Structures are given as C-alpha cells and as structure tokens.
C-alpha cells in the first residue's frame, strides 16, 4: 500500500543524532514532513539533518533541560510556523545488576528516558495543542517485559509508557493525540554497545525467541513512521510485539522462574566484571557523559 504523506507537517524528533532518531527523521522527511532534529552531538545532528533535505533544521539540547527545550520549541515554531508531530525518542541505558550499578549512572538513565520525555512533552505541548497534533512516546519491549540486568532502562520505559497513556486522556479534548511506540532489540549503537559486554550478550542470547534476536533498523523505523502517519495509539516496530500486549501480564511470572537459573550460572562472571559496566552504553551514552562533563567544566 502507498505510504501516507506527511506533506506540510512539521515533525520534531529528539535523540536524533543517531540510531532510531536519525533514521526516523529521514523516514519522515521522505514522506514529506519538514523535520527538526534535537540531540547532543552537533556534527552528527548536522549530518543527519542534511540527509533530511534542505528544509530540515537541527538543535543541540539536553532533553532534561526544560529551559533549553522551551527555547527550541519557540525557535522551531518561529522558523517553520508550527509543530504537528513530536517524537520523544531520546534514551540511554546501562547494564548489569542493580546493586552493582553506579547510582549516578542509574539516576541519569531515569532522568533522560523518563524525565526527559516529560520535559519534551511540557515544552512542545503548547505547539501541538495549537496544531491539534500528535505526540509519540518511544517506549520499548522493556516496558512490557521487565528483565533482570536492565532495571534502570525497564523502570524508565515502563514509566514513559504509563506517562503517555495518562497524558492521552488529559489532552484529547484539546485535539492532541498521544501514541506509544514499542521496539524490541534493534540494530543501533545502544544495542551494539550493550553487546560488547560478553556476559550481557550471553544473557540476552538465552532469552526466549523472538526476544533474543536483534532486528534491522530500517524496517523497524518504517513501521514507526507508518504509525506516526496514522497517529496510532500503539506503534509496533516489530509486528510480533502486538501479540505481546495480550500476554504481557504473564511474562514477569515466566521470567521470575527462568531468569534466576541463568543468573546463577553467570553470577561469578557478573561479579568479576561489574566495574566494566558502570557507565552508559554505546555512543549515545558516551555523548551524554561528554556533554554533562562539558557543562560541569563550564560552570
């Protein structure tokens, strides 16, 4: 079937320097949208924006900084005249056991993934109300199936899912639609960074099919773009995730039985390598750490 056009619409994507965000910005631009990319890496943002056509723009901003995001929202409206679509996509992750995790890194995952999403909504909702637009919150399989060694990420993604569902009822009478996007393991810098950890990679390999696979980025993003075009309540980057909605209540019970057996065999190696996984994973995580260090040095 032909793809639904987004001609004349303005779409904002956070976490757009790489991965899902950059690919989604390109996909929305192909469908006719004018795209505003928001993220932390100026060179990557500029490159990604160039691939979205001459009308695209990019803004460097930390999604946890409300003042900065409100300024971005004002500038986007000033430049393009409106905002029709906002995708709260920015996210980071850590791996390993909760007790071995670095408290500051754990907190930062919650700040970026959960509070960064609420800050994005707070900054851009006035523009979406004006256009009767659409907000898509990117969640994860982790919101449906909270798994060991991913406590910060699972907590944050469960939080943004609940936030989006609650927000939907509040803004519907103002003409704004709110959707939640779900992705399983998708071929991004974050997932590749996590897979550099041998123990984490082995743990994931023992997850039940189809959750133990890494899925290609482009088809996943095209499914998300389809959901945006139709302003869907639920958007599934991998088709089988739809069926997981029906059984998600049972999955923690299954994991509660299976995971301890696997963790017992991995525990000595987890303990021996705990120091190696105290930081954020992937290039996006490194970019967040660098940006925070630069802001700290500037104070």
Foldseek 3Di string as FASTA:
>chain_A
DDFFAPAPAEEEEEPCLWFLNLLLLQVNLVSHYAYEYEEADVVSQVVSQVSSDPRHYYDYDQLLDLVRLLVVLVVCCVSSVAHAEYELDDAWFFFAAPVLADVVQLVVRLSRLASSSVSNCVNNVVRNLVVLHEYEYEAEVLLLAVAGRGVSNSVSRVNSLVVQVVVQVVCVVSNYAYAYEYEAAEPTQQSVQQVVPPLSLVLLCPDDPPRSDYHYRNQLSNQVSSCRSVSHRYTYSDVCVVVSVVVSVCNNVVNVPPVVVSCVVCVVVSVVCSVVGNFITGPSRVSVVVVVVVVVVVD
